[in-house]
Amino acid sequence: MTKITVKAIVHAPIDKVWTFWNEPQHVKHWNFASPDWHSPSGQNDLRTGGKFSFRMEAKDGSAGFDFGGTYELVKKHELIVYRMGDGRRVHVSFKAQGNETEIVETFDSEPTHTLEQQQSGWQSILNNFKKYAESKK
């Protein structure tokens, strides 16, 4: 299984980034790869052993799925490691750099889509997060 990495520098302090990354009322505003999709609902029990699930669906109702998993490790403001429902692992690191935060996500690939499609999709979601977090004062 190939590991894929996406990253971004978010022009926001770590406290804000952590909150916007993890609280469902914020996640629904950025958790999609393209404007014709959205993430209307979700639940997040952010702790080692906790579970999360976010609904991702096309706005026209033509497709949708639940994106979820179980947290293997949570270190506030530093690291989130989780396993998705299909067993693939995701490692998300947060590094405070003054009033900026670097986010690096590394995830196990899946066999259905090309590596480029997967990297592009995850990077688009991360870019949506960056835009959302930077736009909120």
N, C-alpha and C. Protein backbone atom coordinates (compact mmCIF):
# COMPACT_ATOMS: atom_id res chain seq x y z
N MET A 1 0.85 -1.18 0.00
CA MET A 1 0.00 0.00 0.00
C MET A 1 0.90 1.25 0.00
N THR A 2 0.66 2.13 -0.93
CA THR A 2 1.44 3.36 -1.04
C THR A 2 0.91 4.41 -0.08
N LYS A 3 1.82 5.15 0.53
CA LYS A 3 1.43 6.27 1.39
C LYS A 3 1.46 7.55 0.55
N ILE A 4 0.46 8.40 0.77
CA ILE A 4 0.31 9.66 0.05
C ILE A 4 0.33 10.78 1.09
N THR A 5 1.01 11.87 0.77
CA THR A 5 1.09 13.00 1.71
C THR A 5 0.58 14.27 1.05
N VAL A 6 -0.21 15.03 1.81
CA VAL A 6 -0.65 16.37 1.41
C VAL A 6 -0.31 17.30 2.56
N LYS A 7 -0.09 18.57 2.26
CA LYS A 7 0.27 19.51 3.32
C LYS A 7 -0.17 20.92 2.98
N ALA A 8 -0.24 21.73 4.03
CA ALA A 8 -0.60 23.14 3.87
C ALA A 8 -0.09 23.92 5.07
N ILE A 9 0.20 25.18 4.82
CA ILE A 9 0.48 26.14 5.88
C ILE A 9 -0.77 26.99 6.02
N VAL A 10 -1.38 26.96 7.19
CA VAL A 10 -2.60 27.71 7.45
C VAL A 10 -2.21 28.95 8.25
N HIS A 11 -2.60 30.10 7.75
CA HIS A 11 -2.29 31.37 8.41
C HIS A 11 -3.30 31.61 9.53
N ALA A 12 -3.15 30.78 10.58
CA ALA A 12 -4.00 30.85 11.77
C ALA A 12 -3.27 30.13 12.89
N PRO A 13 -3.47 30.57 14.13
CA PRO A 13 -2.80 29.92 15.26
C PRO A 13 -3.33 28.52 15.52
N ILE A 14 -2.52 27.72 16.19
CA ILE A 14 -2.83 26.31 16.42
C ILE A 14 -4.15 26.09 17.13
N ASP A 15 -4.51 26.92 18.11
CA ASP A 15 -5.79 26.74 18.83
C ASP A 15 -6.97 26.78 17.87
N LYS A 16 -6.96 27.77 16.99
CA LYS A 16 -8.04 27.93 16.02
C LYS A 16 -8.04 26.77 15.02
N VAL A 17 -6.87 26.41 14.52
CA VAL A 17 -6.77 25.31 13.56
C VAL A 17 -7.29 24.02 14.18
N TRP A 18 -6.91 23.72 15.40
CA TRP A 18 -7.34 22.50 16.07
C TRP A 18 -8.86 22.46 16.22
N THR A 19 -9.43 23.57 16.65
CA THR A 19 -10.88 23.66 16.82
C THR A 19 -11.60 23.47 15.48
N PHE A 20 -11.18 24.19 14.46
CA PHE A 20 -11.85 24.13 13.16
C PHE A 20 -11.67 22.77 12.50
N TRP A 21 -10.57 22.09 12.78
CA TRP A 21 -10.31 20.77 12.20
C TRP A 21 -11.21 19.71 12.83
N ASN A 22 -11.54 19.88 14.11
CA ASN A 22 -12.16 18.79 14.85
C ASN A 22 -13.63 18.97 15.24
N GLU A 23 -14.13 20.18 15.33
CA GLU A 23 -15.51 20.37 15.78
C GLU A 23 -16.48 20.28 14.59
N PRO A 24 -17.47 19.37 14.68
CA PRO A 24 -18.37 19.13 13.55
C PRO A 24 -19.03 20.39 12.98
N GLN A 25 -19.35 21.39 13.82
CA GLN A 25 -19.99 22.59 13.28
C GLN A 25 -19.05 23.36 12.35
N HIS A 26 -17.75 23.13 12.44
CA HIS A 26 -16.79 23.73 11.51
C HIS A 26 -16.48 22.78 10.35
N VAL A 27 -16.34 21.49 10.65
CA VAL A 27 -15.97 20.51 9.63
C VAL A 27 -16.93 20.54 8.45
N LYS A 28 -18.21 20.74 8.72
CA LYS A 28 -19.20 20.72 7.63
C LYS A 28 -18.98 21.84 6.62
N HIS A 29 -18.20 22.85 6.97
CA HIS A 29 -17.94 23.97 6.06
C HIS A 29 -16.75 23.76 5.13
N TRP A 30 -15.96 22.71 5.36
CA TRP A 30 -14.77 22.53 4.53
C TRP A 30 -14.52 21.09 4.08
N ASN A 31 -15.24 20.12 4.58
CA ASN A 31 -14.94 18.71 4.36
C ASN A 31 -15.52 18.16 3.05
N PHE A 32 -15.01 18.67 1.93
CA PHE A 32 -15.42 18.20 0.61
C PHE A 32 -14.35 18.63 -0.39
N ALA A 33 -14.23 17.87 -1.48
CA ALA A 33 -13.16 18.12 -2.45
C ALA A 33 -13.56 19.08 -3.57
N SER A 34 -14.86 19.22 -3.82
CA SER A 34 -15.29 20.12 -4.90
C SER A 34 -16.58 20.84 -4.49
N PRO A 35 -16.85 21.99 -5.11
CA PRO A 35 -18.00 22.80 -4.68
C PRO A 35 -19.36 22.13 -4.88
N ASP A 36 -19.44 21.08 -5.70
CA ASP A 36 -20.72 20.41 -5.91
C ASP A 36 -20.98 19.32 -4.86
N TRP A 37 -20.08 19.21 -3.88
CA TRP A 37 -20.25 18.29 -2.76
C TRP A 37 -20.34 19.09 -1.47
N HIS A 38 -20.82 18.43 -0.42
CA HIS A 38 -20.85 19.05 0.90
C HIS A 38 -20.79 17.97 1.97
N SER A 39 -20.67 18.42 3.21
CA SER A 39 -20.57 17.52 4.35
C SER A 39 -21.61 17.99 5.37
N PRO A 40 -22.86 17.58 5.19
CA PRO A 40 -23.96 18.16 5.97
C PRO A 40 -24.01 17.79 7.45
N SER A 41 -23.37 16.70 7.85
CA SER A 41 -23.48 16.30 9.25
C SER A 41 -22.27 15.48 9.67
N GLY A 42 -22.10 15.38 10.98
CA GLY A 42 -21.01 14.56 11.47
C GLY A 42 -20.97 14.49 12.98
N GLN A 43 -20.23 13.51 13.45
CA GLN A 43 -20.02 13.31 14.88
C GLN A 43 -18.54 13.04 15.08
N ASN A 44 -18.00 13.53 16.21
CA ASN A 44 -16.57 13.37 16.45
C ASN A 44 -16.30 13.21 17.95
N ASP A 45 -15.82 12.03 18.32
CA ASP A 45 -15.42 11.75 19.70
C ASP A 45 -13.88 11.76 19.71
N LEU A 46 -13.31 12.95 19.80
CA LEU A 46 -11.87 13.16 19.63
C LEU A 46 -11.09 12.74 20.87
N ARG A 47 -10.74 11.46 20.89
CA ARG A 47 -9.90 10.91 21.96
C ARG A 47 -9.39 9.56 21.45
N THR A 48 -8.27 9.13 22.00
CA THR A 48 -7.75 7.82 21.64
C THR A 48 -8.82 6.78 21.93
N GLY A 49 -9.17 5.99 20.91
CA GLY A 49 -10.25 5.00 21.03
C GLY A 49 -11.60 5.54 20.61
N GLY A 50 -11.73 6.86 20.45
CA GLY A 50 -12.98 7.46 20.03
C GLY A 50 -13.25 7.24 18.55
N LYS A 51 -14.49 7.44 18.16
CA LYS A 51 -14.88 7.26 16.75
C LYS A 51 -15.40 8.57 16.18
N PHE A 52 -15.32 8.66 14.84
CA PHE A 52 -15.87 9.81 14.14
C PHE A 52 -16.58 9.33 12.89
N SER A 53 -17.53 10.13 12.43
CA SER A 53 -18.21 9.86 11.18
C SER A 53 -18.74 11.18 10.62
N PHE A 54 -18.40 11.44 9.37
CA PHE A 54 -18.89 12.63 8.68
C PHE A 54 -19.53 12.20 7.36
N ARG A 55 -20.70 12.73 7.10
CA ARG A 55 -21.41 12.45 5.85
C ARG A 55 -20.83 13.34 4.76
N MET A 56 -20.50 12.74 3.63
CA MET A 56 -20.04 13.48 2.46
C MET A 56 -20.97 13.10 1.32
N GLU A 57 -21.52 14.12 0.64
CA GLU A 57 -22.45 13.79 -0.44
C GLU A 57 -22.51 14.89 -1.49
N ALA A 58 -22.91 14.48 -2.69
CA ALA A 58 -23.12 15.42 -3.77
C ALA A 58 -24.34 16.27 -3.42
N LYS A 59 -24.26 17.57 -3.71
CA LYS A 59 -25.37 18.47 -3.38
C LYS A 59 -26.65 18.10 -4.12
N ASP A 60 -26.52 17.47 -5.30
CA ASP A 60 -27.70 17.08 -6.05
C ASP A 60 -28.27 15.73 -5.60
N GLY A 61 -27.65 15.12 -4.59
CA GLY A 61 -28.15 13.86 -4.04
C GLY A 61 -27.79 12.63 -4.84
N SER A 62 -26.97 12.76 -5.87
CA SER A 62 -26.66 11.63 -6.75
C SER A 62 -25.68 10.63 -6.15
N ALA A 63 -24.92 11.03 -5.13
CA ALA A 63 -23.94 10.12 -4.52
C ALA A 63 -23.64 10.61 -3.12
N GLY A 64 -23.16 9.70 -2.30
CA GLY A 64 -22.77 10.07 -0.95
C GLY A 64 -22.21 8.89 -0.20
N PHE A 65 -21.49 9.19 0.87
CA PHE A 65 -20.93 8.14 1.71
C PHE A 65 -20.60 8.71 3.08
N ASP A 66 -20.45 7.82 4.03
CA ASP A 66 -20.03 8.20 5.37
C ASP A 66 -18.53 7.96 5.48
N PHE A 67 -17.80 8.99 5.87
CA PHE A 67 -16.35 8.90 6.06
C PHE A 67 -16.11 8.83 7.56
N GLY A 68 -15.59 7.70 8.01
CA GLY A 68 -15.41 7.55 9.44
C GLY A 68 -14.27 6.64 9.80
N GLY A 69 -14.04 6.55 11.11
CA GLY A 69 -12.99 5.69 11.59
C GLY A 69 -12.85 5.78 13.09
N THR A 70 -11.73 5.24 13.57
CA THR A 70 -11.43 5.18 15.00
C THR A 70 -10.07 5.81 15.26
N TYR A 71 -10.01 6.66 16.25
CA TYR A 71 -8.75 7.31 16.62
C TYR A 71 -7.83 6.33 17.34
N GLU A 72 -6.61 6.21 16.85
CA GLU A 72 -5.60 5.38 17.51
C GLU A 72 -4.74 6.20 18.46
N LEU A 73 -4.58 7.49 18.15
CA LEU A 73 -3.76 8.36 18.98
C LEU A 73 -4.18 9.81 18.75
N VAL A 74 -4.39 10.54 19.84
CA VAL A 74 -4.72 11.96 19.76
C VAL A 74 -3.82 12.69 20.76
N LYS A 75 -3.00 13.61 20.24
CA LYS A 75 -2.18 14.49 21.08
C LYS A 75 -2.57 15.91 20.71
N LYS A 76 -3.29 16.57 21.61
CA LYS A 76 -3.84 17.89 21.34
C LYS A 76 -2.78 18.83 20.78
N HIS A 77 -3.16 19.50 19.68
CA HIS A 77 -2.33 20.49 18.99
C HIS A 77 -1.09 19.89 18.33
N GLU A 78 -0.99 18.56 18.27
CA GLU A 78 0.20 17.94 17.69
C GLU A 78 -0.09 16.87 16.66
N LEU A 79 -0.93 15.90 17.03
CA LEU A 79 -1.02 14.69 16.21
C LEU A 79 -2.38 14.02 16.35
N ILE A 80 -2.88 13.53 15.22
CA ILE A 80 -4.06 12.67 15.19
C ILE A 80 -3.72 11.50 14.28
N VAL A 81 -3.87 10.29 14.81
CA VAL A 81 -3.70 9.08 14.01
C VAL A 81 -5.01 8.31 14.09
N TYR A 82 -5.54 7.94 12.92
CA TYR A 82 -6.78 7.17 12.92
C TYR A 82 -6.79 6.12 11.84
N ARG A 83 -7.67 5.15 12.02
CA ARG A 83 -7.91 4.12 11.02
C ARG A 83 -9.30 4.34 10.45
N MET A 84 -9.36 4.42 9.13
CA MET A 84 -10.66 4.56 8.47
C MET A 84 -11.42 3.24 8.57
N GLY A 85 -12.68 3.29 8.25
CA GLY A 85 -13.53 2.10 8.31
C GLY A 85 -13.01 0.94 7.48
N ASP A 86 -12.28 1.24 6.40
CA ASP A 86 -11.76 0.17 5.53
C ASP A 86 -10.38 -0.32 5.99
N GLY A 87 -9.89 0.18 7.13
CA GLY A 87 -8.63 -0.30 7.68
C GLY A 87 -7.41 0.53 7.33
N ARG A 88 -7.56 1.46 6.39
CA ARG A 88 -6.41 2.29 6.03
C ARG A 88 -6.10 3.28 7.14
N ARG A 89 -4.84 3.63 7.26
CA ARG A 89 -4.38 4.49 8.35
C ARG A 89 -4.09 5.90 7.84
N VAL A 90 -4.38 6.89 8.70
CA VAL A 90 -4.12 8.29 8.40
C VAL A 90 -3.37 8.91 9.58
N HIS A 91 -2.35 9.69 9.25
CA HIS A 91 -1.50 10.35 10.26
C HIS A 91 -1.56 11.85 9.93
N VAL A 92 -2.06 12.67 10.87
CA VAL A 92 -2.17 14.11 10.65
C VAL A 92 -1.35 14.82 11.72
N SER A 93 -0.34 15.57 11.29
CA SER A 93 0.47 16.31 12.26
C SER A 93 0.17 17.80 12.13
N PHE A 94 0.23 18.47 13.26
CA PHE A 94 -0.01 19.91 13.37
C PHE A 94 1.24 20.51 14.01
N LYS A 95 1.80 21.52 13.37
CA LYS A 95 3.01 22.14 13.92
C LYS A 95 2.81 23.65 13.97
N ALA A 96 2.75 24.18 15.20
CA ALA A 96 2.59 25.62 15.38
C ALA A 96 3.87 26.33 14.96
N GLN A 97 3.69 27.40 14.20
CA GLN A 97 4.80 28.24 13.76
C GLN A 97 4.38 29.69 13.94
N GLY A 98 4.37 30.14 15.20
CA GLY A 98 3.88 31.48 15.48
C GLY A 98 2.39 31.55 15.23
N ASN A 99 1.97 32.46 14.36
CA ASN A 99 0.56 32.60 14.01
C ASN A 99 0.16 31.76 12.81
N GLU A 100 0.99 30.82 12.45
CA GLU A 100 0.70 29.89 11.37
C GLU A 100 0.76 28.47 11.91
N THR A 101 0.12 27.56 11.18
CA THR A 101 0.14 26.15 11.56
C THR A 101 0.37 25.32 10.31
N GLU A 102 1.36 24.44 10.39
CA GLU A 102 1.60 23.51 9.29
C GLU A 102 0.81 22.23 9.57
N ILE A 103 0.08 21.79 8.57
CA ILE A 103 -0.66 20.52 8.65
C ILE A 103 -0.09 19.59 7.61
N VAL A 104 0.28 18.39 8.03
CA VAL A 104 0.77 17.36 7.11
C VAL A 104 -0.07 16.11 7.34
N GLU A 105 -0.73 15.66 6.27
CA GLU A 105 -1.56 14.46 6.32
C GLU A 105 -0.91 13.38 5.46
N THR A 106 -0.70 12.22 6.03
CA THR A 106 -0.19 11.08 5.27
C THR A 106 -1.19 9.95 5.43
N PHE A 107 -1.61 9.38 4.30
CA PHE A 107 -2.63 8.35 4.35
C PHE A 107 -2.29 7.19 3.42
N ASP A 108 -2.81 6.01 3.77
CA ASP A 108 -2.65 4.84 2.93
C ASP A 108 -3.57 4.98 1.72
N SER A 109 -3.03 4.65 0.57
CA SER A 109 -3.82 4.72 -0.67
C SER A 109 -4.85 3.59 -0.71
N GLU A 110 -5.77 3.73 -1.64
CA GLU A 110 -6.77 2.68 -1.88
C GLU A 110 -6.69 2.28 -3.35
N PRO A 111 -7.19 1.10 -3.72
CA PRO A 111 -6.98 0.59 -5.09
C PRO A 111 -7.94 1.11 -6.15
N THR A 112 -9.00 1.81 -5.78
CA THR A 112 -10.03 2.19 -6.75
C THR A 112 -9.63 3.38 -7.62
N HIS A 113 -8.97 4.37 -7.02
CA HIS A 113 -8.60 5.59 -7.74
C HIS A 113 -7.09 5.66 -7.90
N THR A 114 -6.62 6.41 -8.90
CA THR A 114 -5.19 6.56 -9.10
C THR A 114 -4.58 7.32 -7.92
N LEU A 115 -3.29 7.17 -7.73
CA LEU A 115 -2.60 7.89 -6.67
C LEU A 115 -2.76 9.39 -6.87
N GLU A 116 -2.70 9.83 -8.11
CA GLU A 116 -2.86 11.26 -8.42
C GLU A 116 -4.25 11.76 -8.04
N GLN A 117 -5.28 10.96 -8.34
CA GLN A 117 -6.65 11.36 -7.98
C GLN A 117 -6.81 11.45 -6.46
N GLN A 118 -6.24 10.49 -5.76
CA GLN A 118 -6.34 10.50 -4.31
C GLN A 118 -5.61 11.70 -3.72
N GLN A 119 -4.40 11.95 -4.19
CA GLN A 119 -3.64 13.09 -3.67
C GLN A 119 -4.37 14.39 -3.98
N SER A 120 -4.88 14.51 -5.20
CA SER A 120 -5.60 15.73 -5.59
C SER A 120 -6.85 15.94 -4.74
N GLY A 121 -7.61 14.87 -4.51
CA GLY A 121 -8.84 14.99 -3.71
C GLY A 121 -8.56 15.40 -2.28
N TRP A 122 -7.59 14.74 -1.66
CA TRP A 122 -7.26 15.06 -0.27
C TRP A 122 -6.65 16.46 -0.17
N GLN A 123 -5.84 16.84 -1.16
CA GLN A 123 -5.25 18.18 -1.14
C GLN A 123 -6.36 19.23 -1.30
N SER A 124 -7.36 18.95 -2.13
CA SER A 124 -8.48 19.88 -2.31
C SER A 124 -9.23 20.09 -1.00
N ILE A 125 -9.45 19.01 -0.26
CA ILE A 125 -10.13 19.12 1.03
C ILE A 125 -9.27 19.94 2.00
N LEU A 126 -7.97 19.67 2.02
CA LEU A 126 -7.07 20.43 2.89
C LEU A 126 -7.05 21.90 2.49
N ASN A 127 -7.07 22.18 1.20
CA ASN A 127 -7.12 23.57 0.73
C ASN A 127 -8.42 24.25 1.15
N ASN A 128 -9.53 23.51 1.11
CA ASN A 128 -10.81 24.05 1.60
C ASN A 128 -10.71 24.39 3.08
N PHE A 129 -10.06 23.51 3.86
CA PHE A 129 -9.87 23.79 5.27
C PHE A 129 -9.07 25.07 5.45
N LYS A 130 -7.98 25.19 4.75
CA LYS A 130 -7.11 26.37 4.84
C LYS A 130 -7.92 27.64 4.55
N LYS A 131 -8.69 27.62 3.48
CA LYS A 131 -9.49 28.77 3.09
C LYS A 131 -10.52 29.11 4.18
N TYR A 132 -11.19 28.08 4.69
CA TYR A 132 -12.19 28.30 5.74
C TYR A 132 -11.55 28.87 7.00
N ALA A 133 -10.49 28.24 7.47
CA ALA A 133 -9.85 28.68 8.73
C ALA A 133 -9.30 30.10 8.61
N GLU A 134 -8.74 30.43 7.46
CA GLU A 134 -8.18 31.77 7.28
C GLU A 134 -9.24 32.84 7.10
N SER A 135 -10.44 32.44 6.71
CA SER A 135 -11.50 33.42 6.45
C SER A 135 -12.28 33.79 7.71
N LYS A 136 -12.16 33.00 8.77
CA LYS A 136 -12.92 33.20 10.00
C LYS A 136 -12.07 33.93 11.03
N LYS A 137 -12.57 35.03 11.53
CA LYS A 137 -11.82 35.82 12.52
C LYS A 137 -12.18 35.45 13.92
